[in-house]
Amino acid sequence: MKIGFIGSGNIGRTVASCFLRAGHSVVMSNSRSPETLSDLVKELGPKAKAATAEQAAHEGDLIVVTVPLYALPKLSTSGTDGKVIIDTMNYYPFRDGHIASLDDGTATTSELTAEHFPNARVVKAFNSIIASEIQTTAKPQGDPQRRTLPIAGNDAEAKKTVIDLIESIGFDVYDAGALHEGYRFQNGTPAYCARANRDELIHLLQQA
């Protein structure tokens, strides 16, 4: 699978590295220019390339959107129709400015992402794990210490695709339900960045 990254910060580059090790190829982009990613692409290896955000969206069989939430309204939707989008974003009012629908709980970050990309299939994932731990806490399937990560989304097929990807890089996955249920593992909740197995994670999600 070719995976396009819109955003190449800590989460983006770490997830890209893991997907490469699982046998996929990646197209990396940022808010500046492909040339500024030359060192990163060299580090990631021959199955990585740099491109513009629009090119990453068009070329990717699946897209990872991993930018600060305040940048979401500026992102092009070109190339995203029908695609699975993994949304890793969290809401930090001190950085993103106050967003009324997030402050009052009537919407979640991923629901805003789905509104922005109306013809894509958005799955919330990787927002509730510290970037470095994506590599350091991954475990083989069957390991009793294997960590469970939560996801949420409205499209069952899209969620299955994301579950398979996450399982292939060293984690179990718990489907928390519809996209709105992503509030249960957003920043500030008990499940956020928790090192938990499936049963522990379910308990933490229920506390939100």
N, C-alpha and C. Protein backbone atom coordinates (compact mmCIF):
# COMPACT_ATOMS: atom_id res chain seq x y z
N MET A 1 0.84 -1.19 0.00
CA MET A 1 0.00 0.00 0.00
C MET A 1 0.88 1.24 0.00
N LYS A 2 0.47 2.27 -0.72
CA LYS A 2 1.16 3.55 -0.70
C LYS A 2 0.36 4.49 0.20
N ILE A 3 1.04 5.07 1.19
CA ILE A 3 0.37 5.87 2.20
C ILE A 3 0.86 7.30 2.11
N GLY A 4 -0.06 8.24 1.90
CA GLY A 4 0.28 9.64 1.81
C GLY A 4 0.15 10.32 3.16
N PHE A 5 1.17 11.10 3.52
CA PHE A 5 1.18 11.81 4.80
C PHE A 5 1.04 13.31 4.57
N ILE A 6 -0.01 13.88 5.12
CA ILE A 6 -0.18 15.33 5.15
C ILE A 6 0.26 15.78 6.53
N GLY A 7 1.51 16.19 6.62
CA GLY A 7 2.14 16.48 7.90
C GLY A 7 3.25 15.49 8.16
N SER A 8 4.41 16.02 8.54
CA SER A 8 5.59 15.16 8.76
C SER A 8 6.27 15.48 10.07
N GLY A 9 5.48 15.80 11.09
CA GLY A 9 6.02 16.04 12.41
C GLY A 9 6.34 14.73 13.12
N ASN A 10 6.38 14.76 14.44
CA ASN A 10 6.81 13.59 15.20
C ASN A 10 5.94 12.37 14.96
N ILE A 11 4.62 12.56 15.01
CA ILE A 11 3.72 11.42 14.77
C ILE A 11 3.85 10.95 13.33
N GLY A 12 3.84 11.88 12.38
CA GLY A 12 3.90 11.50 10.98
C GLY A 12 5.14 10.71 10.63
N ARG A 13 6.29 11.21 11.02
CA ARG A 13 7.53 10.52 10.64
C ARG A 13 7.67 9.17 11.36
N THR A 14 7.15 9.09 12.60
CA THR A 14 7.25 7.83 13.33
C THR A 14 6.31 6.78 12.75
N VAL A 15 5.06 7.17 12.47
CA VAL A 15 4.12 6.23 11.85
C VAL A 15 4.61 5.81 10.47
N ALA A 16 5.16 6.75 9.72
CA ALA A 16 5.70 6.43 8.39
C ALA A 16 6.81 5.39 8.49
N SER A 17 7.69 5.56 9.45
CA SER A 17 8.78 4.60 9.64
C SER A 17 8.24 3.21 9.95
N CYS A 18 7.21 3.15 10.78
CA CYS A 18 6.62 1.85 11.13
C CYS A 18 5.93 1.21 9.92
N PHE A 19 5.21 2.01 9.14
CA PHE A 19 4.54 1.48 7.96
C PHE A 19 5.55 0.98 6.92
N LEU A 20 6.67 1.67 6.81
CA LEU A 20 7.72 1.22 5.89
C LEU A 20 8.25 -0.13 6.31
N ARG A 21 8.48 -0.31 7.60
CA ARG A 21 8.99 -1.59 8.08
C ARG A 21 7.98 -2.71 7.85
N ALA A 22 6.70 -2.35 7.79
CA ALA A 22 5.65 -3.35 7.54
C ALA A 22 5.49 -3.63 6.04
N GLY A 23 6.29 -2.97 5.20
CA GLY A 23 6.30 -3.28 3.77
C GLY A 23 5.59 -2.30 2.88
N HIS A 24 5.12 -1.19 3.41
CA HIS A 24 4.41 -0.21 2.61
C HIS A 24 5.38 0.86 2.09
N SER A 25 4.90 1.72 1.21
CA SER A 25 5.67 2.88 0.78
C SER A 25 4.94 4.13 1.26
N VAL A 26 5.68 5.24 1.38
CA VAL A 26 5.08 6.46 1.92
C VAL A 26 5.42 7.67 1.06
N VAL A 27 4.50 8.62 1.04
CA VAL A 27 4.71 9.91 0.38
C VAL A 27 4.54 10.97 1.46
N MET A 28 5.61 11.69 1.76
CA MET A 28 5.62 12.64 2.87
C MET A 28 5.42 14.06 2.36
N SER A 29 4.70 14.87 3.13
CA SER A 29 4.52 16.28 2.78
C SER A 29 4.46 17.11 4.05
N ASN A 30 4.67 18.42 3.87
CA ASN A 30 4.51 19.35 4.99
C ASN A 30 3.94 20.66 4.46
N SER A 31 3.92 21.68 5.29
CA SER A 31 3.31 22.94 4.89
C SER A 31 4.27 23.83 4.12
N ARG A 32 5.51 23.38 3.95
CA ARG A 32 6.51 24.19 3.27
C ARG A 32 6.72 23.69 1.84
N SER A 33 7.70 22.84 1.62
CA SER A 33 7.96 22.35 0.27
C SER A 33 8.62 20.99 0.36
N PRO A 34 8.52 20.16 -0.68
CA PRO A 34 9.16 18.84 -0.66
C PRO A 34 10.65 18.90 -0.39
N GLU A 35 11.31 19.96 -0.83
CA GLU A 35 12.75 20.06 -0.66
C GLU A 35 13.14 20.09 0.82
N THR A 36 12.27 20.61 1.67
CA THR A 36 12.59 20.69 3.09
C THR A 36 12.52 19.33 3.78
N LEU A 37 12.03 18.32 3.05
CA LEU A 37 11.91 16.97 3.61
C LEU A 37 13.00 16.02 3.11
N SER A 38 14.00 16.56 2.44
CA SER A 38 15.02 15.70 1.83
C SER A 38 15.76 14.87 2.87
N ASP A 39 16.10 15.45 4.02
CA ASP A 39 16.80 14.69 5.06
C ASP A 39 15.90 13.58 5.62
N LEU A 40 14.63 13.90 5.83
CA LEU A 40 13.71 12.90 6.36
C LEU A 40 13.55 11.74 5.39
N VAL A 41 13.36 12.04 4.12
CA VAL A 41 13.18 10.99 3.12
C VAL A 41 14.44 10.12 3.01
N LYS A 42 15.59 10.74 3.10
CA LYS A 42 16.84 9.98 3.08
C LYS A 42 16.91 9.05 4.27
N GLU A 43 16.48 9.54 5.42
CA GLU A 43 16.48 8.73 6.64
C GLU A 43 15.48 7.58 6.54
N LEU A 44 14.32 7.83 5.95
CA LEU A 44 13.29 6.80 5.85
C LEU A 44 13.64 5.71 4.83
N GLY A 45 14.37 6.08 3.79
CA GLY A 45 14.83 5.07 2.85
C GLY A 45 14.17 5.12 1.48
N PRO A 46 14.50 4.13 0.63
CA PRO A 46 14.12 4.19 -0.78
C PRO A 46 12.62 4.08 -1.07
N LYS A 47 11.83 3.62 -0.11
CA LYS A 47 10.39 3.51 -0.35
C LYS A 47 9.63 4.73 0.16
N ALA A 48 10.40 5.80 0.44
CA ALA A 48 9.79 7.08 0.85
C ALA A 48 10.12 8.14 -0.17
N LYS A 49 9.19 9.06 -0.38
CA LYS A 49 9.43 10.19 -1.26
C LYS A 49 8.78 11.43 -0.66
N ALA A 50 9.25 12.59 -1.09
CA ALA A 50 8.67 13.85 -0.66
C ALA A 50 7.81 14.42 -1.77
N ALA A 51 6.75 15.11 -1.37
CA ALA A 51 5.82 15.68 -2.35
C ALA A 51 5.07 16.83 -1.69
N THR A 52 4.24 17.49 -2.46
CA THR A 52 3.32 18.47 -1.87
C THR A 52 2.18 17.71 -1.19
N ALA A 53 1.44 18.42 -0.36
CA ALA A 53 0.31 17.79 0.32
C ALA A 53 -0.72 17.27 -0.67
N GLU A 54 -0.98 18.03 -1.72
CA GLU A 54 -1.94 17.56 -2.72
C GLU A 54 -1.44 16.31 -3.43
N GLN A 55 -0.15 16.27 -3.75
CA GLN A 55 0.40 15.09 -4.40
C GLN A 55 0.33 13.88 -3.46
N ALA A 56 0.62 14.09 -2.19
CA ALA A 56 0.55 12.99 -1.22
C ALA A 56 -0.86 12.43 -1.14
N ALA A 57 -1.86 13.32 -1.18
CA ALA A 57 -3.25 12.88 -1.14
C ALA A 57 -3.62 12.11 -2.41
N HIS A 58 -3.21 12.61 -3.55
CA HIS A 58 -3.55 11.95 -4.82
C HIS A 58 -2.86 10.59 -4.94
N GLU A 59 -1.60 10.52 -4.53
CA GLU A 59 -0.84 9.28 -4.71
C GLU A 59 -1.15 8.23 -3.65
N GLY A 60 -1.58 8.65 -2.48
CA GLY A 60 -1.80 7.70 -1.40
C GLY A 60 -3.04 6.84 -1.60
N ASP A 61 -2.89 5.54 -1.38
CA ASP A 61 -4.07 4.67 -1.32
C ASP A 61 -4.84 4.96 -0.04
N LEU A 62 -4.12 5.43 0.96
CA LEU A 62 -4.67 5.82 2.25
C LEU A 62 -3.90 7.07 2.65
N ILE A 63 -4.55 7.96 3.41
CA ILE A 63 -3.94 9.24 3.77
C ILE A 63 -3.90 9.38 5.30
N VAL A 64 -2.79 9.86 5.81
CA VAL A 64 -2.67 10.19 7.22
C VAL A 64 -2.59 11.71 7.34
N VAL A 65 -3.57 12.30 8.04
CA VAL A 65 -3.56 13.74 8.28
C VAL A 65 -3.05 13.97 9.70
N THR A 66 -1.89 14.57 9.80
CA THR A 66 -1.23 14.73 11.09
C THR A 66 -0.60 16.11 11.18
N VAL A 67 -1.48 17.11 11.24
CA VAL A 67 -1.07 18.51 11.33
C VAL A 67 -1.70 19.11 12.58
N PRO A 68 -1.24 20.27 13.04
CA PRO A 68 -1.96 20.95 14.12
C PRO A 68 -3.40 21.24 13.68
N LEU A 69 -4.33 21.13 14.60
CA LEU A 69 -5.74 21.27 14.24
C LEU A 69 -6.04 22.61 13.59
N TYR A 70 -5.33 23.66 13.98
CA TYR A 70 -5.61 24.98 13.40
C TYR A 70 -5.33 25.01 11.91
N ALA A 71 -4.53 24.06 11.41
CA ALA A 71 -4.21 24.02 9.98
C ALA A 71 -5.27 23.29 9.16
N LEU A 72 -6.19 22.59 9.81
CA LEU A 72 -7.18 21.79 9.08
C LEU A 72 -7.95 22.58 8.03
N PRO A 73 -8.49 23.77 8.34
CA PRO A 73 -9.29 24.48 7.34
C PRO A 73 -8.51 24.87 6.08
N LYS A 74 -7.19 24.90 6.19
CA LYS A 74 -6.36 25.31 5.05
C LYS A 74 -6.01 24.16 4.12
N LEU A 75 -6.30 22.92 4.53
CA LEU A 75 -5.89 21.77 3.74
C LEU A 75 -6.76 21.59 2.51
N SER A 76 -6.12 21.28 1.39
CA SER A 76 -6.86 20.98 0.17
C SER A 76 -7.57 19.63 0.31
N THR A 77 -8.74 19.53 -0.29
CA THR A 77 -9.46 18.25 -0.31
C THR A 77 -9.19 17.47 -1.59
N SER A 78 -8.41 18.04 -2.48
CA SER A 78 -8.12 17.39 -3.76
C SER A 78 -7.45 16.04 -3.54
N GLY A 79 -7.96 15.02 -4.22
CA GLY A 79 -7.37 13.69 -4.14
C GLY A 79 -7.86 12.85 -2.99
N THR A 80 -8.80 13.36 -2.19
CA THR A 80 -9.23 12.62 -1.00
C THR A 80 -10.55 11.88 -1.18
N ASP A 81 -11.24 12.10 -2.26
CA ASP A 81 -12.55 11.46 -2.44
C ASP A 81 -12.43 9.94 -2.40
N GLY A 82 -13.23 9.32 -1.54
CA GLY A 82 -13.26 7.87 -1.43
C GLY A 82 -12.13 7.27 -0.63
N LYS A 83 -11.16 8.09 -0.24
CA LYS A 83 -9.98 7.57 0.46
C LYS A 83 -10.25 7.41 1.96
N VAL A 84 -9.55 6.46 2.56
CA VAL A 84 -9.52 6.36 4.02
C VAL A 84 -8.53 7.39 4.53
N ILE A 85 -8.96 8.21 5.47
CA ILE A 85 -8.09 9.19 6.11
C ILE A 85 -7.93 8.82 7.58
N ILE A 86 -6.70 8.64 8.02
CA ILE A 86 -6.41 8.49 9.44
C ILE A 86 -6.17 9.89 10.01
N ASP A 87 -6.97 10.26 10.98
CA ASP A 87 -6.85 11.57 11.63
C ASP A 87 -6.17 11.39 12.97
N THR A 88 -5.00 12.00 13.15
CA THR A 88 -4.25 11.88 14.41
C THR A 88 -4.38 13.11 15.29
N MET A 89 -5.20 14.08 14.89
CA MET A 89 -5.15 15.40 15.52
C MET A 89 -5.83 15.46 16.88
N ASN A 90 -5.28 16.34 17.73
CA ASN A 90 -5.87 16.67 19.02
C ASN A 90 -6.13 18.17 19.08
N TYR A 91 -7.01 18.55 19.98
CA TYR A 91 -7.42 19.95 20.15
C TYR A 91 -6.74 20.55 21.37
N TYR A 92 -5.96 21.60 21.13
CA TYR A 92 -5.32 22.34 22.22
C TYR A 92 -5.72 23.82 22.05
N PRO A 93 -6.67 24.31 22.83
CA PRO A 93 -7.15 25.68 22.65
C PRO A 93 -6.03 26.73 22.71
N PHE A 94 -5.01 26.50 23.53
CA PHE A 94 -3.94 27.49 23.64
C PHE A 94 -3.17 27.61 22.33
N ARG A 95 -3.19 26.56 21.51
CA ARG A 95 -2.50 26.56 20.23
C ARG A 95 -3.46 26.80 19.07
N ASP A 96 -4.63 26.17 19.13
CA ASP A 96 -5.56 26.15 18.00
C ASP A 96 -6.59 27.28 18.06
N GLY A 97 -6.66 27.98 19.19
CA GLY A 97 -7.76 28.92 19.39
C GLY A 97 -9.00 28.16 19.82
N HIS A 98 -9.94 28.82 20.44
CA HIS A 98 -11.14 28.14 20.92
C HIS A 98 -12.10 27.85 19.77
N ILE A 99 -12.60 26.62 19.74
CA ILE A 99 -13.57 26.18 18.74
C ILE A 99 -14.82 25.79 19.52
N ALA A 100 -15.90 26.53 19.32
CA ALA A 100 -17.09 26.39 20.17
C ALA A 100 -17.63 24.96 20.20
N SER A 101 -17.72 24.30 19.06
CA SER A 101 -18.31 22.95 19.02
C SER A 101 -17.45 21.92 19.73
N LEU A 102 -16.15 22.19 19.84
CA LEU A 102 -15.28 21.30 20.61
C LEU A 102 -15.34 21.64 22.09
N ASP A 103 -15.43 22.92 22.39
CA ASP A 103 -15.51 23.33 23.79
C ASP A 103 -16.78 22.82 24.46
N ASP A 104 -17.90 22.80 23.71
CA ASP A 104 -19.15 22.36 24.34
C ASP A 104 -19.46 20.88 24.12
N GLY A 105 -18.56 20.18 23.41
CA GLY A 105 -18.69 18.73 23.25
C GLY A 105 -19.68 18.29 22.19
N THR A 106 -20.22 19.22 21.40
CA THR A 106 -21.17 18.81 20.37
C THR A 106 -20.47 18.20 19.16
N ALA A 107 -19.17 18.39 19.05
CA ALA A 107 -18.39 17.80 17.95
C ALA A 107 -17.06 17.33 18.50
N THR A 108 -16.38 16.53 17.70
CA THR A 108 -15.03 16.08 18.03
C THR A 108 -14.09 16.51 16.91
N THR A 109 -12.80 16.44 17.16
CA THR A 109 -11.84 16.83 16.13
C THR A 109 -12.03 16.03 14.86
N SER A 110 -12.28 14.74 14.99
CA SER A 110 -12.42 13.91 13.80
C SER A 110 -13.71 14.17 13.05
N GLU A 111 -14.75 14.60 13.77
CA GLU A 111 -15.97 15.00 13.07
C GLU A 111 -15.73 16.28 12.27
N LEU A 112 -14.92 17.19 12.81
CA LEU A 112 -14.55 18.37 12.03
C LEU A 112 -13.71 17.97 10.82
N THR A 113 -12.85 16.98 11.00
CA THR A 113 -12.04 16.48 9.88
C THR A 113 -12.95 15.88 8.81
N ALA A 114 -13.94 15.13 9.24
CA ALA A 114 -14.87 14.52 8.28
C ALA A 114 -15.70 15.58 7.55
N GLU A 115 -16.02 16.67 8.23
CA GLU A 115 -16.73 17.77 7.57
C GLU A 115 -15.84 18.43 6.52
N HIS A 116 -14.56 18.55 6.85
CA HIS A 116 -13.64 19.20 5.92
C HIS A 116 -13.37 18.33 4.70
N PHE A 117 -13.31 17.01 4.90
CA PHE A 117 -13.10 16.06 3.81
C PHE A 117 -14.39 15.26 3.61
N PRO A 118 -15.44 15.85 3.06
CA PRO A 118 -16.77 15.25 3.09
C PRO A 118 -16.90 13.96 2.31
N ASN A 119 -16.03 13.72 1.36
CA ASN A 119 -16.14 12.51 0.55
C ASN A 119 -15.09 11.46 0.90
N ALA A 120 -14.38 11.69 2.00
CA ALA A 120 -13.40 10.71 2.48
C ALA A 120 -14.01 9.92 3.63
N ARG A 121 -13.30 8.88 4.04
CA ARG A 121 -13.76 8.02 5.14
C ARG A 121 -12.76 8.16 6.28
N VAL A 122 -13.14 8.94 7.28
CA VAL A 122 -12.20 9.34 8.34
C VAL A 122 -12.24 8.35 9.51
N VAL A 123 -11.05 7.98 9.97
CA VAL A 123 -10.88 7.13 11.14
C VAL A 123 -9.93 7.83 12.10
N LYS A 124 -10.35 7.98 13.33
CA LYS A 124 -9.50 8.59 14.35
C LYS A 124 -8.56 7.53 14.91
N ALA A 125 -7.26 7.80 14.86
CA ALA A 125 -6.27 6.84 15.37
C ALA A 125 -4.95 7.56 15.62
N PHE A 126 -4.11 6.97 16.44
CA PHE A 126 -2.77 7.47 16.74
C PHE A 126 -2.76 8.82 17.45
N ASN A 127 -3.91 9.33 17.87
CA ASN A 127 -3.92 10.59 18.60
C ASN A 127 -3.64 10.39 20.08
N SER A 128 -3.77 9.15 20.56
CA SER A 128 -3.68 8.90 22.00
C SER A 128 -2.47 8.06 22.36
N ILE A 129 -1.37 8.31 21.68
CA ILE A 129 -0.11 7.65 22.00
C ILE A 129 1.01 8.65 21.74
N ILE A 130 1.96 8.71 22.64
CA ILE A 130 3.12 9.58 22.46
C ILE A 130 3.92 9.07 21.27
N ALA A 131 4.40 9.98 20.44
CA ALA A 131 5.05 9.59 19.18
C ALA A 131 6.16 8.56 19.40
N SER A 132 7.02 8.79 20.35
CA SER A 132 8.14 7.87 20.56
C SER A 132 7.68 6.48 20.97
N GLU A 133 6.52 6.40 21.63
CA GLU A 133 6.04 5.10 22.11
C GLU A 133 5.46 4.24 20.99
N ILE A 134 5.21 4.84 19.83
CA ILE A 134 4.75 4.04 18.69
C ILE A 134 5.82 3.01 18.32
N GLN A 135 7.06 3.36 18.53
CA GLN A 135 8.14 2.41 18.28
C GLN A 135 8.52 1.64 19.53
N THR A 136 8.60 2.32 20.67
CA THR A 136 9.17 1.67 21.85
C THR A 136 8.21 0.72 22.56
N THR A 137 6.89 0.87 22.36
CA THR A 137 5.96 -0.02 23.06
C THR A 137 5.31 -1.04 22.13
N ALA A 138 5.71 -1.08 20.87
CA ALA A 138 5.17 -2.09 19.95
C ALA A 138 5.65 -3.48 20.36
N LYS A 139 4.78 -4.46 20.24
CA LYS A 139 5.10 -5.84 20.61
C LYS A 139 4.55 -6.80 19.56
N PRO A 140 5.15 -7.98 19.42
CA PRO A 140 4.63 -8.97 18.47
C PRO A 140 3.24 -9.46 18.88
N GLN A 141 2.51 -9.93 17.91
CA GLN A 141 1.18 -10.48 18.19
C GLN A 141 1.30 -11.64 19.17
N GLY A 142 0.43 -11.65 20.16
CA GLY A 142 0.45 -12.71 21.17
C GLY A 142 1.27 -12.38 22.40
N ASP A 143 2.07 -11.33 22.34
CA ASP A 143 2.85 -10.92 23.51
C ASP A 143 1.90 -10.44 24.60
N PRO A 144 2.05 -10.96 25.83
CA PRO A 144 1.12 -10.56 26.90
C PRO A 144 1.21 -9.08 27.26
N GLN A 145 2.28 -8.43 26.87
CA GLN A 145 2.45 -7.00 27.15
C GLN A 145 2.01 -6.12 25.98
N ARG A 146 1.41 -6.72 24.96
CA ARG A 146 1.02 -5.94 23.78
C ARG A 146 -0.04 -4.91 24.14
N ARG A 147 0.19 -3.70 23.71
CA ARG A 147 -0.66 -2.56 24.03
C ARG A 147 -1.84 -2.49 23.07
N THR A 148 -2.97 -1.98 23.54
CA THR A 148 -4.15 -1.79 22.71
C THR A 148 -4.37 -0.30 22.46
N LEU A 149 -4.55 0.06 21.19
CA LEU A 149 -4.83 1.44 20.82
C LEU A 149 -6.28 1.57 20.38
N PRO A 150 -6.93 2.69 20.72
CA PRO A 150 -8.32 2.90 20.32
C PRO A 150 -8.43 3.57 18.95
N ILE A 151 -9.50 3.27 18.26
CA ILE A 151 -9.85 3.97 17.02
C ILE A 151 -11.35 4.29 17.08
N ALA A 152 -11.79 5.19 16.20
CA ALA A 152 -13.22 5.47 16.05
C ALA A 152 -13.48 5.88 14.61
N GLY A 153 -14.67 5.56 14.12
CA GLY A 153 -15.02 5.93 12.75
C GLY A 153 -16.42 5.48 12.41
N ASN A 154 -16.94 6.02 11.32
CA ASN A 154 -18.31 5.70 10.90
C ASN A 154 -18.38 4.65 9.80
N ASP A 155 -17.25 4.30 9.23
CA ASP A 155 -17.22 3.37 8.08
C ASP A 155 -16.51 2.09 8.50
N ALA A 156 -17.25 0.98 8.51
CA ALA A 156 -16.70 -0.29 9.01
C ALA A 156 -15.53 -0.78 8.16
N GLU A 157 -15.65 -0.65 6.86
CA GLU A 157 -14.57 -1.11 5.98
C GLU A 157 -13.31 -0.28 6.19
N ALA A 158 -13.47 1.03 6.34
CA ALA A 158 -12.32 1.90 6.60
C ALA A 158 -11.66 1.53 7.91
N LYS A 159 -12.46 1.26 8.93
CA LYS A 159 -11.90 0.89 10.22
C LYS A 159 -11.14 -0.43 10.14
N LYS A 160 -11.65 -1.37 9.36
CA LYS A 160 -10.94 -2.65 9.20
C LYS A 160 -9.58 -2.43 8.55
N THR A 161 -9.51 -1.55 7.57
CA THR A 161 -8.23 -1.24 6.93
C THR A 161 -7.25 -0.67 7.94
N VAL A 162 -7.72 0.26 8.77
CA VAL A 162 -6.85 0.89 9.76
C VAL A 162 -6.45 -0.09 10.85
N ILE A 163 -7.38 -0.93 11.27
CA ILE A 163 -7.06 -1.95 12.27
C ILE A 163 -5.95 -2.86 11.77
N ASP A 164 -6.05 -3.31 10.54
CA ASP A 164 -5.03 -4.20 9.98
C ASP A 164 -3.66 -3.51 9.95
N LEU A 165 -3.64 -2.24 9.59
CA LEU A 165 -2.38 -1.49 9.56
C LEU A 165 -1.77 -1.38 10.95
N ILE A 166 -2.58 -1.01 11.92
CA ILE A 166 -2.07 -0.83 13.28
C ILE A 166 -1.59 -2.16 13.86
N GLU A 167 -2.35 -3.22 13.62
CA GLU A 167 -1.93 -4.54 14.12
C GLU A 167 -0.62 -4.98 13.50
N SER A 168 -0.38 -4.58 12.25
CA SER A 168 0.84 -5.01 11.56
C SER A 168 2.09 -4.33 12.10
N ILE A 169 1.92 -3.23 12.86
CA ILE A 169 3.11 -2.55 13.39
C ILE A 169 3.28 -2.74 14.90
N GLY A 170 2.50 -3.65 15.49
CA GLY A 170 2.82 -4.05 16.86
C GLY A 170 1.82 -3.71 17.94
N PHE A 171 0.55 -3.48 17.58
CA PHE A 171 -0.46 -3.13 18.58
C PHE A 171 -1.76 -3.88 18.33
N ASP A 172 -2.49 -4.17 19.41
CA ASP A 172 -3.88 -4.57 19.27
C ASP A 172 -4.72 -3.30 19.11
N VAL A 173 -5.95 -3.47 18.67
CA VAL A 173 -6.81 -2.31 18.41
C VAL A 173 -8.18 -2.55 19.02
N TYR A 174 -8.73 -1.51 19.62
CA TYR A 174 -10.11 -1.56 20.11
C TYR A 174 -10.93 -0.53 19.36
N ASP A 175 -12.01 -0.98 18.73
CA ASP A 175 -12.91 -0.10 18.01
C ASP A 175 -13.88 0.52 19.01
N ALA A 176 -13.71 1.83 19.26
CA ALA A 176 -14.55 2.51 20.25
C ALA A 176 -15.92 2.90 19.72
N GLY A 177 -16.14 2.70 18.41
CA GLY A 177 -17.45 2.98 17.85
C GLY A 177 -17.43 4.08 16.82
N ALA A 178 -18.53 4.81 16.73
CA ALA A 178 -18.69 5.88 15.73
C ALA A 178 -17.69 7.00 15.97
N LEU A 179 -17.53 7.83 14.97
CA LEU A 179 -16.53 8.89 15.02
C LEU A 179 -16.69 9.77 16.25
N HIS A 180 -17.92 10.04 16.65
CA HIS A 180 -18.14 10.90 17.82
C HIS A 180 -17.54 10.29 19.09
N GLU A 181 -17.45 8.96 19.14
CA GLU A 181 -16.92 8.29 20.33
C GLU A 181 -15.43 8.56 20.51
N GLY A 182 -14.81 9.20 19.53
CA GLY A 182 -13.41 9.59 19.69
C GLY A 182 -13.19 10.53 20.86
N TYR A 183 -14.25 11.16 21.35
CA TYR A 183 -14.08 12.02 22.52
C TYR A 183 -13.60 11.23 23.73
N ARG A 184 -13.84 9.92 23.72
CA ARG A 184 -13.47 9.09 24.87
C ARG A 184 -11.96 8.92 25.01
N PHE A 185 -11.20 9.18 23.93
CA PHE A 185 -9.74 9.05 24.06
C PHE A 185 -9.01 10.29 23.55
N GLN A 186 -9.70 11.42 23.59
CA GLN A 186 -9.04 12.66 23.25
C GLN A 186 -8.19 13.12 24.44
N ASN A 187 -7.34 14.13 24.20
CA ASN A 187 -6.49 14.61 25.28
C ASN A 187 -7.33 15.10 26.46
N GLY A 188 -6.86 14.77 27.64
CA GLY A 188 -7.57 15.14 28.86
C GLY A 188 -8.45 14.05 29.42
N THR A 189 -8.60 12.93 28.72
CA THR A 189 -9.41 11.81 29.20
C THR A 189 -8.51 10.74 29.82
N PRO A 190 -9.09 9.83 30.64
CA PRO A 190 -8.28 8.78 31.26
C PRO A 190 -7.59 7.86 30.24
N ALA A 191 -8.19 7.66 29.07
CA ALA A 191 -7.62 6.75 28.08
C ALA A 191 -6.51 7.39 27.26
N TYR A 192 -6.39 8.69 27.33
CA TYR A 192 -5.41 9.41 26.50
C TYR A 192 -3.99 9.01 26.88
N CYS A 193 -3.28 8.45 25.91
CA CYS A 193 -1.87 8.05 26.08
C CYS A 193 -1.68 7.00 27.17
N ALA A 194 -2.73 6.25 27.49
CA ALA A 194 -2.62 5.21 28.50
C ALA A 194 -1.96 3.96 27.91
N ARG A 195 -1.02 3.40 28.63
CA ARG A 195 -0.44 2.10 28.24
C ARG A 195 -1.35 1.03 28.81
N ALA A 196 -2.21 0.48 27.99
CA ALA A 196 -3.25 -0.40 28.48
C ALA A 196 -3.47 -1.57 27.54
N ASN A 197 -3.89 -2.71 28.13
CA ASN A 197 -4.35 -3.81 27.29
C ASN A 197 -5.83 -3.57 26.98
N ARG A 198 -6.45 -4.51 26.29
CA ARG A 198 -7.83 -4.31 25.84
C ARG A 198 -8.79 -4.05 27.00
N ASP A 199 -8.78 -4.89 28.02
CA ASP A 199 -9.72 -4.75 29.13
C ASP A 199 -9.47 -3.44 29.88
N GLU A 200 -8.20 -3.12 30.09
CA GLU A 200 -7.87 -1.87 30.78
C GLU A 200 -8.33 -0.66 29.97
N LEU A 201 -8.13 -0.72 28.66
CA LEU A 201 -8.53 0.39 27.81
C LEU A 201 -10.04 0.58 27.81
N ILE A 202 -10.79 -0.50 27.72
CA ILE A 202 -12.25 -0.41 27.75
C ILE A 202 -12.70 0.28 29.04
N HIS A 203 -12.11 -0.10 30.15
CA HIS A 203 -12.46 0.51 31.44
C HIS A 203 -12.17 2.01 31.42
N LEU A 204 -11.03 2.40 30.87
CA LEU A 204 -10.66 3.82 30.82
C LEU A 204 -11.60 4.59 29.89
N LEU A 205 -11.96 3.99 28.76
CA LEU A 205 -12.86 4.67 27.83
C LEU A 205 -14.23 4.92 28.46
N GLN A 206 -14.67 4.01 29.29
CA GLN A 206 -15.97 4.14 29.93
C GLN A 206 -16.02 5.27 30.96
N GLN A 207 -14.84 5.73 31.38
CA GLN A 207 -14.79 6.79 32.36
C GLN A 207 -14.93 8.19 31.76
N ALA A 208 -14.84 8.27 30.44
CA ALA A 208 -14.90 9.59 29.78
C ALA A 208 -16.34 10.10 29.75
